[in-house]
Amino acid sequence: MKSLKELYRIGKGPSSSHTMGPQKAAQLYLSKHPDARNFRVTLYGSLAATGKGHMTDTAIQDVLQATAPVEIVWCPDTFLNFHPNGMKFETEKGETWTVYSIGGGALSEGDQPTGLLPESPDIYPLTHLADIQHWCDSHGRTYWEYVQSSEAPAVWDHLQIVWEAMQAAVERGIDREGVLPGPLNLQRKASTYYIKAKGYKQSLQTRALVYAYALAVSEENASGGTIVTAPTCGACGVIPAVLYHLSRGHNFSDRKILHALATAGLIGNIVKENASISGADVGCQGEVGVACAMASAAACQLFGGSPSQIEYAAEMGLEHHLGMTCDPVCGLVQIPCIERNAFAATRALDSNLYASFSDGKHRVNFDRVVEVMNQTGHDLPSLYKETSEGGLAKSMGVTL
């Protein structure tokens, strides 16, 4: 598995796979062809189907157009074998490069590496949670300490920057009002939820504030604001909402929050390594479902959960999102994405509570759920995987 620096990326929304990934690919291609007189970029599958709503073309053009004219070709009905988010870059000389945006802003050349992508070493010797849990039990340690044993010391500086970016996104989102970009004319809700939450008694206020924090970050993402992929842009509101709420409501120190972020990152990394965090590949279970699992584990650790209880919390966070489709209306990361972040954040807190009441013993372990999630995602028809051709996206009858 790769460093957590490659899971938690700070960038602009609305989509890590449809915006951040293609923009990075364009930058790499331009670095090899700075003298090109024109560019042709062909987008395939999910990238083409929802690329306009996700501003994929804008992300690519912003990089290449300063050098030469850019032609974008949309092929939504053509799915390349390696991943649904395929794209091909060409110059007038016929110099082609096929690359895939595989989720969370990460890129892959599939089965035909050219060396254009920078090498990224695997630094974690164990890649399944059961093995890591055994390591924890054998050494009397917990998950963040396994992260510390595998990563370079600089990872803590990175996680501090990530935490600061998450807090800033919450606070910006709470302060902003108005309509989100796009034809849905969707009103921002975070500010209203935050104000209303202050008027409730403590028992209801807690839940309402978590809603507000998740809405705040997700709305920032939908408007192209700066967020952290956790593990993706589409699911970026879940972990910040949970950690922001716990840091303020329970006075957890930054050090403890960073440890929780490390544990959450380990959970996300395991899914990324053994399955997928791409909505175009496995549906929203791989985005919001994984974010919920990550936040569940983080919360359980903060409240003193044992390795087995933390594993149980993560397992529930993912298990109860199995089969969730990715069907964004108009290809925008707004409906149903924003509300899903809010509900997943509260579900993460419930998963922590349920696991904390238990002794950590249960029948279905996290690794098994990851396998099932991957298989379920591949069994889903493409119209339910970020193509906006089925589900809510089709029933709403709204197009760009």
Protein backbone atom coordinates (compact mmCIF):
# COMPACT_ATOMS: atom_id res chain seq x y z
CA MET A 1 0.00 0.00 0.00
CA LYS A 2 1.06 3.57 -0.68
CA SER A 3 1.63 6.39 1.77
CA LEU A 4 -1.33 8.18 3.31
CA LYS A 5 -0.06 11.24 1.47
CA GLU A 6 -1.56 9.67 -1.65
CA LEU A 7 -4.91 9.04 -0.02
CA TYR A 8 -5.41 12.42 1.66
CA ARG A 9 -4.92 14.96 -1.13
CA ILE A 10 -5.76 18.65 -0.83
CA GLY A 11 -7.32 20.13 -3.95
CA LYS A 12 -10.36 21.73 -5.52
CA GLY A 13 -13.67 19.96 -6.07
CA PRO A 14 -16.03 18.80 -7.27
CA SER A 15 -14.56 15.40 -8.19
CA SER A 16 -11.27 13.70 -7.44
CA SER A 17 -11.65 11.19 -10.27
CA HIS A 18 -13.28 13.50 -12.82
CA THR A 19 -11.48 16.76 -12.03
CA MET A 20 -8.31 16.30 -9.98
CA GLY A 21 -7.17 13.14 -11.80
CA PRO A 22 -7.65 14.44 -15.37
CA GLN A 23 -6.02 17.76 -14.47
CA LYS A 24 -2.97 15.96 -13.09
CA ALA A 25 -2.85 13.76 -16.23
CA ALA A 26 -2.94 16.86 -18.44
CA GLN A 27 -0.06 18.39 -16.50
CA LEU A 28 2.04 15.25 -16.90
CA TYR A 29 1.29 15.00 -20.62
CA LEU A 30 2.10 18.67 -21.18
CA SER A 31 5.43 18.23 -19.41
CA LYS A 32 6.40 15.70 -22.09
CA HIS A 33 5.00 17.66 -25.02
CA PRO A 34 5.52 21.37 -24.24
CA ASP A 35 5.95 22.24 -27.94
CA ALA A 36 2.74 20.63 -29.20
CA ARG A 37 0.68 22.68 -31.65
CA ASN A 38 -2.64 21.09 -30.71
CA PHE A 39 -4.06 18.54 -28.31
CA ARG A 40 -6.85 16.02 -28.65
CA VAL A 41 -8.21 14.40 -25.49
CA THR A 42 -10.70 11.55 -25.74
CA LEU A 43 -12.77 10.80 -22.64
CA TYR A 44 -14.29 7.35 -22.25
CA GLY A 45 -17.02 5.74 -20.16
CA SER A 46 -17.90 7.50 -16.94
CA LEU A 47 -15.48 10.37 -17.58
CA ALA A 48 -17.41 11.20 -20.74
CA ALA A 49 -20.88 10.45 -19.35
CA THR A 50 -20.66 12.86 -16.40
CA GLY A 51 -17.60 14.88 -17.37
CA LYS A 52 -19.51 18.06 -18.19
CA GLY A 53 -21.23 18.11 -14.81
CA HIS A 54 -17.94 17.39 -13.08
CA MET A 55 -16.08 20.00 -15.19
CA THR A 56 -13.62 17.43 -16.56
CA ASP A 57 -13.20 19.34 -19.81
CA THR A 58 -12.51 22.57 -17.92
CA ALA A 59 -9.90 20.89 -15.72
CA ILE A 60 -8.03 19.62 -18.79
CA GLN A 61 -8.38 22.80 -20.83
CA ASP A 62 -7.12 24.96 -17.98
CA VAL A 63 -3.81 23.12 -18.25
CA LEU A 64 -3.39 22.62 -21.99
CA GLN A 65 -5.02 25.63 -23.65
CA ALA A 66 -2.29 28.04 -22.62
CA THR A 67 0.06 26.02 -24.85
CA ALA A 68 -2.12 24.99 -27.80
CA PRO A 69 -5.77 24.49 -28.84
CA VAL A 70 -7.53 21.55 -27.21
CA GLU A 71 -10.20 19.30 -28.73
CA ILE A 72 -12.26 17.24 -26.26
CA VAL A 73 -13.91 14.12 -27.66
CA TRP A 74 -16.70 12.51 -25.63
CA CYS A 75 -17.19 8.72 -25.87
CA PRO A 76 -19.62 7.82 -23.06
CA ASP A 77 -20.56 4.46 -24.58
CA THR A 78 -16.99 3.21 -24.86
CA PHE A 79 -15.51 1.61 -21.75
CA LEU A 80 -11.84 0.69 -21.79
CA ASN A 81 -10.95 -2.61 -20.15
CA PHE A 82 -8.84 -1.46 -17.21
CA HIS A 83 -11.16 1.13 -15.62
CA PRO A 84 -14.34 3.07 -16.55
CA ASN A 85 -12.50 6.40 -16.22
CA GLY A 86 -10.23 6.15 -19.25
CA MET A 87 -8.76 9.00 -21.29
CA LYS A 88 -6.42 9.25 -24.26
CA PHE A 89 -4.15 12.23 -24.92
CA GLU A 90 -2.82 12.94 -28.44
CA THR A 91 -0.77 15.59 -30.23
CA GLU A 92 -0.68 16.47 -33.92
CA LYS A 93 2.32 14.14 -34.24
CA GLY A 94 0.27 11.14 -33.13
CA GLU A 95 1.98 10.86 -29.74
CA THR A 96 -0.68 9.11 -27.67
CA TRP A 97 -0.98 8.31 -24.00
CA THR A 98 -3.81 6.33 -22.40
CA VAL A 99 -4.30 6.79 -18.69
CA TYR A 100 -7.00 6.10 -16.12
CA SER A 101 -8.33 8.18 -13.23
CA ILE A 102 -8.90 5.45 -10.65
CA GLY A 103 -10.36 7.44 -7.75
CA GLY A 104 -9.20 9.86 -5.09
CA GLY A 105 -7.18 11.84 -7.65
CA ALA A 106 -4.89 8.87 -8.36
CA LEU A 107 -3.83 7.83 -11.87
CA SER A 108 -2.83 4.53 -13.44
CA GLU A 109 -1.52 3.48 -16.83
CA GLY A 110 -3.18 0.11 -16.40
CA ASP A 111 -1.40 -2.86 -17.90
CA GLN A 112 0.76 -0.75 -20.23
CA PRO A 113 3.06 1.47 -18.13
CA THR A 114 5.11 4.02 -20.05
CA GLY A 115 7.04 5.49 -17.14
CA LEU A 116 5.29 8.85 -17.45
CA LEU A 117 3.63 8.46 -14.06
CA PRO A 118 6.04 9.05 -11.19
CA GLU A 119 6.88 5.89 -9.27
CA SER A 120 5.25 5.48 -5.89
CA PRO A 121 6.64 2.80 -3.59
CA ASP A 122 4.58 0.45 -1.45
CA ILE A 123 5.50 1.12 2.16
CA TYR A 124 3.04 -1.01 4.14
CA PRO A 125 4.10 -4.67 4.47
CA LEU A 126 0.59 -5.72 5.59
CA THR A 127 -2.45 -4.92 3.45
CA HIS A 128 -5.37 -6.65 5.19
CA LEU A 129 -6.93 -5.44 8.41
CA ALA A 130 -6.97 -8.91 9.98
CA ASP A 131 -3.18 -9.12 9.62
CA ILE A 132 -2.69 -5.61 10.94
CA GLN A 133 -5.00 -6.32 13.87
CA HIS A 134 -2.90 -9.40 14.69
CA TRP A 135 0.21 -7.17 14.60
CA CYS A 136 -1.47 -4.75 16.99
CA ASP A 137 -2.47 -7.51 19.39
CA SER A 138 1.00 -9.08 19.26
CA HIS A 139 2.81 -5.79 19.90
CA GLY A 140 0.32 -4.25 22.34
CA ARG A 141 -0.28 -1.34 19.96
CA THR A 142 -3.09 0.12 17.91
CA TYR A 143 -3.64 1.06 14.28
CA TRP A 144 -2.13 4.53 14.25
CA GLU A 145 1.05 3.02 15.66
CA TYR A 146 1.17 0.61 12.73
CA VAL A 147 0.91 3.62 10.44
CA GLN A 148 3.75 5.27 12.34
CA SER A 149 5.90 2.14 12.02
CA SER A 150 5.44 2.11 8.22
CA GLU A 151 5.47 5.79 7.26
CA ALA A 152 8.25 8.36 7.39
CA PRO A 153 8.00 10.88 10.28
CA ALA A 154 6.90 13.57 7.81
CA VAL A 155 3.49 11.92 7.55
CA TRP A 156 2.47 13.69 10.77
CA ASP A 157 3.25 17.07 9.22
CA HIS A 158 1.09 16.09 6.25
CA LEU A 159 -1.77 14.99 8.47
CA GLN A 160 -1.56 18.28 10.38
CA ILE A 161 -1.96 20.16 7.09
CA VAL A 162 -4.84 17.85 6.15
CA TRP A 163 -6.57 18.50 9.47
CA GLU A 164 -6.18 22.25 9.07
CA ALA A 165 -7.62 22.06 5.53
CA MET A 166 -10.58 20.03 6.79
CA GLN A 167 -11.34 22.53 9.54
CA ALA A 168 -11.08 25.44 7.11
CA ALA A 169 -13.52 23.76 4.72
CA VAL A 170 -16.05 23.26 7.51
CA GLU A 171 -15.79 26.87 8.63
CA ARG A 172 -15.96 28.33 5.11
CA GLY A 173 -18.95 26.19 4.26
CA ILE A 174 -20.88 27.15 7.38
CA ASP A 175 -20.38 30.84 6.63
CA ARG A 176 -21.54 30.74 3.01
CA GLU A 177 -25.04 31.06 1.60
CA GLY A 178 -26.58 31.11 -1.86
CA VAL A 179 -27.04 28.69 -4.74
CA LEU A 180 -24.58 26.02 -5.84
CA PRO A 181 -23.41 26.15 -9.48
CA GLY A 182 -25.33 24.18 -12.09
CA PRO A 183 -28.88 23.82 -13.42
CA LEU A 184 -30.31 22.28 -10.24
CA ASN A 185 -30.30 25.67 -8.47
CA LEU A 186 -29.61 23.86 -5.22
CA GLN A 187 -29.51 26.11 -2.16
CA ARG A 188 -26.68 25.77 0.33
CA LYS A 189 -28.05 24.40 3.61
CA ALA A 190 -25.07 24.21 5.99
CA SER A 191 -25.45 27.74 7.38
CA THR A 192 -29.16 27.24 8.10
CA TYR A 193 -28.61 23.84 9.72
CA TYR A 194 -25.87 25.30 11.91
CA ILE A 195 -28.03 28.18 13.10
CA LYS A 196 -31.03 25.93 13.78
CA ALA A 197 -28.86 23.42 15.62
CA LYS A 198 -27.90 26.07 18.16
CA GLY A 199 -31.54 26.36 19.19
CA TYR A 200 -32.00 22.70 20.12
CA LYS A 201 -31.29 20.94 23.38
CA GLN A 202 -28.01 19.06 23.65
CA SER A 203 -29.42 15.67 22.63
CA LEU A 204 -30.63 16.94 19.25
CA GLN A 205 -28.01 19.64 18.81
CA THR A 206 -25.21 17.08 18.53
CA ARG A 207 -26.77 15.33 15.57
CA ALA A 208 -27.78 18.58 13.87
CA LEU A 209 -24.28 20.04 14.14
CA VAL A 210 -22.79 16.95 12.49
CA TYR A 211 -25.26 17.43 9.64
CA ALA A 212 -24.20 21.06 9.33
CA TYR A 213 -20.48 20.26 9.26
CA ALA A 214 -20.88 17.54 6.62
CA LEU A 215 -23.09 19.76 4.48
CA ALA A 216 -20.58 22.60 4.80
CA VAL A 217 -17.67 20.61 3.37
CA SER A 218 -19.74 18.87 0.70
CA GLU A 219 -21.16 22.20 -0.45
CA GLU A 220 -17.66 23.65 -0.61
CA ASN A 221 -16.70 20.70 -2.80
CA ALA A 222 -19.74 21.11 -5.06
CA SER A 223 -18.82 24.75 -5.65
CA GLY A 224 -15.21 23.96 -6.56
CA GLY A 225 -13.76 24.91 -3.20
CA THR A 226 -10.63 23.49 -1.57
CA ILE A 227 -11.21 20.21 0.26
CA VAL A 228 -9.40 16.99 1.22
CA THR A 229 -10.03 13.71 -0.57
CA ALA A 230 -11.19 11.46 2.25
CA PRO A 231 -11.08 9.17 0.40
CA THR A 232 -12.59 11.11 -2.54
CA CYS A 233 -14.05 14.54 -3.27
CA GLY A 234 -17.57 13.12 -3.47
CA ALA A 235 -17.25 11.74 0.07
CA CYS A 236 -15.12 14.57 1.48
CA GLY A 237 -17.65 15.76 4.07
CA VAL A 238 -17.88 12.65 6.25
CA ILE A 239 -14.56 12.56 8.12
CA PRO A 240 -14.25 16.35 8.61
CA ALA A 241 -17.78 16.45 10.05
CA VAL A 242 -17.07 13.69 12.56
CA LEU A 243 -13.64 14.92 13.61
CA TYR A 244 -14.61 18.60 13.74
CA HIS A 245 -17.59 17.74 15.92
CA LEU A 246 -15.57 15.53 18.27
CA SER A 247 -12.68 17.98 18.54
CA ARG A 248 -15.05 20.80 19.54
CA GLY A 249 -17.57 18.83 21.53
CA HIS A 250 -15.16 16.60 23.45
CA ASN A 251 -12.00 18.73 23.45
CA PHE A 252 -9.79 16.12 21.81
CA SER A 253 -6.29 17.49 21.18
CA ASP A 254 -4.84 17.88 17.70
CA ARG A 255 -2.44 15.03 18.48
CA LYS A 256 -5.34 12.65 19.12
CA ILE A 257 -7.13 13.88 16.00
CA LEU A 258 -4.02 13.19 13.90
CA HIS A 259 -3.83 9.68 15.34
CA ALA A 260 -7.49 9.20 14.40
CA LEU A 261 -6.79 10.49 10.88
CA ALA A 262 -3.96 7.97 10.58
CA THR A 263 -6.28 5.11 11.57
CA ALA A 264 -8.96 6.35 9.18
CA GLY A 265 -6.38 6.60 6.41
CA LEU A 266 -5.26 3.04 7.05
CA ILE A 267 -8.86 1.83 6.59
CA GLY A 268 -9.20 3.78 3.34
CA ASN A 269 -5.85 2.53 2.10
CA ILE A 270 -6.86 -1.09 2.67
CA VAL A 271 -9.98 -0.63 0.55
CA LYS A 272 -8.03 1.24 -2.13
CA GLU A 273 -5.46 -1.57 -2.26
CA ASN A 274 -7.85 -4.55 -2.25
CA ALA A 275 -10.92 -3.12 -3.95
CA SER A 276 -11.69 0.42 -5.15
CA ILE A 277 -12.67 3.88 -3.93
CA SER A 278 -13.95 4.93 -7.36
CA GLY A 279 -17.67 5.54 -7.83
CA ALA A 280 -17.27 4.82 -11.53
CA ASP A 281 -15.83 1.41 -10.67
CA VAL A 282 -17.88 0.19 -7.68
CA GLY A 283 -20.59 2.78 -7.06
CA CYS A 284 -21.04 5.11 -4.11
CA GLN A 285 -20.35 2.30 -1.64
CA GLY A 286 -16.70 2.81 -2.59
CA GLU A 287 -16.87 6.53 -1.82
CA VAL A 288 -19.39 7.40 0.89
CA GLY A 289 -19.34 3.82 2.23
CA VAL A 290 -15.58 3.84 2.63
CA ALA A 291 -15.64 7.35 4.10
CA CYS A 292 -18.14 6.12 6.69
CA ALA A 293 -15.90 3.16 7.54
CA MET A 294 -12.92 5.49 7.92
CA ALA A 295 -14.84 7.93 10.14
CA SER A 296 -16.27 5.04 12.20
CA ALA A 297 -12.79 3.74 12.94
CA ALA A 298 -11.50 7.23 13.77
CA ALA A 299 -14.33 7.91 16.21
CA CYS A 300 -13.98 4.52 17.89
CA GLN A 301 -10.28 5.10 18.43
CA LEU A 302 -10.87 8.55 19.91
CA PHE A 303 -13.24 7.05 22.46
CA GLY A 304 -10.73 4.41 23.51
CA GLY A 305 -11.83 1.48 21.38
CA SER A 306 -9.66 -1.62 21.24
CA PRO A 307 -8.27 -2.80 17.88
CA SER A 308 -11.11 -5.33 17.62
CA GLN A 309 -13.76 -2.70 18.41
CA ILE A 310 -12.23 -0.27 15.90
CA GLU A 311 -12.25 -3.02 13.26
CA TYR A 312 -15.90 -3.74 14.09
CA ALA A 313 -16.86 -0.07 13.76
CA ALA A 314 -15.16 0.15 10.36
CA GLU A 315 -16.82 -3.07 9.23
CA MET A 316 -20.28 -1.75 10.09
CA GLY A 317 -19.59 1.58 8.44
CA LEU A 318 -18.89 -0.16 5.14
CA GLU A 319 -21.26 -3.14 5.42
CA HIS A 320 -24.34 -0.99 5.77
CA HIS A 321 -23.52 0.90 2.58
CA LEU A 322 -23.12 -2.24 0.45
CA GLY A 323 -24.84 -1.89 -2.91
CA MET A 324 -25.12 1.90 -2.81
CA THR A 325 -25.26 3.20 -6.36
CA CYS A 326 -23.57 6.28 -7.78
CA ASP A 327 -26.26 8.15 -9.70
CA PRO A 328 -25.51 11.89 -9.56
CA VAL A 329 -28.25 14.05 -11.06
CA CYS A 330 -26.87 15.97 -14.06
CA GLY A 331 -23.46 14.50 -13.29
CA LEU A 332 -23.12 17.07 -10.50
CA VAL A 333 -21.75 16.18 -7.07
CA GLN A 334 -24.89 17.57 -5.43
CA ILE A 335 -27.96 15.28 -5.50
CA PRO A 336 -27.83 12.80 -3.76
CA CYS A 337 -24.14 13.19 -2.87
CA ILE A 338 -24.34 16.06 -0.38
CA GLU A 339 -27.09 14.54 1.79
CA ARG A 340 -25.32 11.17 1.70
CA ASN A 341 -22.28 12.75 3.32
CA ALA A 342 -24.43 14.10 6.16
CA PHE A 343 -26.14 10.77 6.84
CA ALA A 344 -22.88 8.81 6.59
CA ALA A 345 -21.28 11.08 9.18
CA THR A 346 -24.01 10.35 11.72
CA ARG A 347 -23.95 6.66 10.81
CA ALA A 348 -20.23 6.65 11.60
CA LEU A 349 -20.98 7.91 15.11
CA ASP A 350 -23.62 5.20 15.47
CA SER A 351 -21.15 2.54 14.32
CA ASN A 352 -18.69 3.72 16.95
CA LEU A 353 -21.33 3.58 19.67
CA TYR A 354 -22.53 0.12 18.67
CA ALA A 355 -18.99 -1.24 18.51
CA SER A 356 -18.08 0.36 21.84
CA PHE A 357 -20.94 -1.47 23.57
CA SER A 358 -19.64 -4.77 22.19
CA ASP A 359 -16.57 -6.83 23.06
CA GLY A 360 -15.41 -6.48 19.45
CA LYS A 361 -16.36 -10.04 18.50
CA HIS A 362 -18.52 -10.49 15.40
CA ARG A 363 -19.00 -12.90 12.50
CA VAL A 364 -18.17 -10.87 9.38
CA ASN A 365 -14.78 -9.17 9.41
CA PHE A 366 -13.80 -6.00 7.59
CA ASP A 367 -11.67 -7.73 4.96
CA ARG A 368 -14.61 -9.93 3.94
CA VAL A 369 -16.85 -6.88 3.53
CA VAL A 370 -14.20 -5.24 1.33
CA GLU A 371 -14.24 -8.32 -0.92
CA VAL A 372 -18.03 -8.30 -1.08
CA MET A 373 -18.10 -4.56 -1.79
CA ASN A 374 -15.70 -5.02 -4.69
CA GLN A 375 -17.69 -7.88 -6.18
CA THR A 376 -21.00 -6.08 -5.66
CA GLY A 377 -19.62 -2.99 -7.37
CA HIS A 378 -18.46 -4.95 -10.39
CA ASP A 379 -21.85 -6.68 -10.59
CA LEU A 380 -23.67 -3.34 -10.76
CA PRO A 381 -24.61 -2.24 -14.29
CA SER A 382 -22.69 0.78 -15.58
CA LEU A 383 -25.81 2.98 -15.48
CA TYR A 384 -25.51 2.90 -11.66
CA LYS A 385 -21.81 3.82 -11.59
CA GLU A 386 -21.34 7.55 -12.18
CA THR A 387 -22.80 7.65 -15.67
CA SER A 388 -26.05 9.44 -14.68
CA GLU A 389 -27.97 7.01 -16.89
CA GLY A 390 -29.99 5.31 -14.14
CA GLY A 391 -31.41 5.64 -10.66
CA LEU A 392 -32.09 9.12 -9.31
CA ALA A 393 -30.21 10.74 -12.17
CA LYS A 394 -32.66 9.29 -14.68
CA SER A 395 -35.82 9.67 -12.60
CA MET A 396 -35.25 13.39 -11.97
CA GLY A 397 -35.45 14.15 -15.69
CA VAL A 398 -32.98 17.06 -15.45
CA THR A 399 -30.05 17.36 -17.88
CA LEU A 400 -27.22 19.77 -18.45
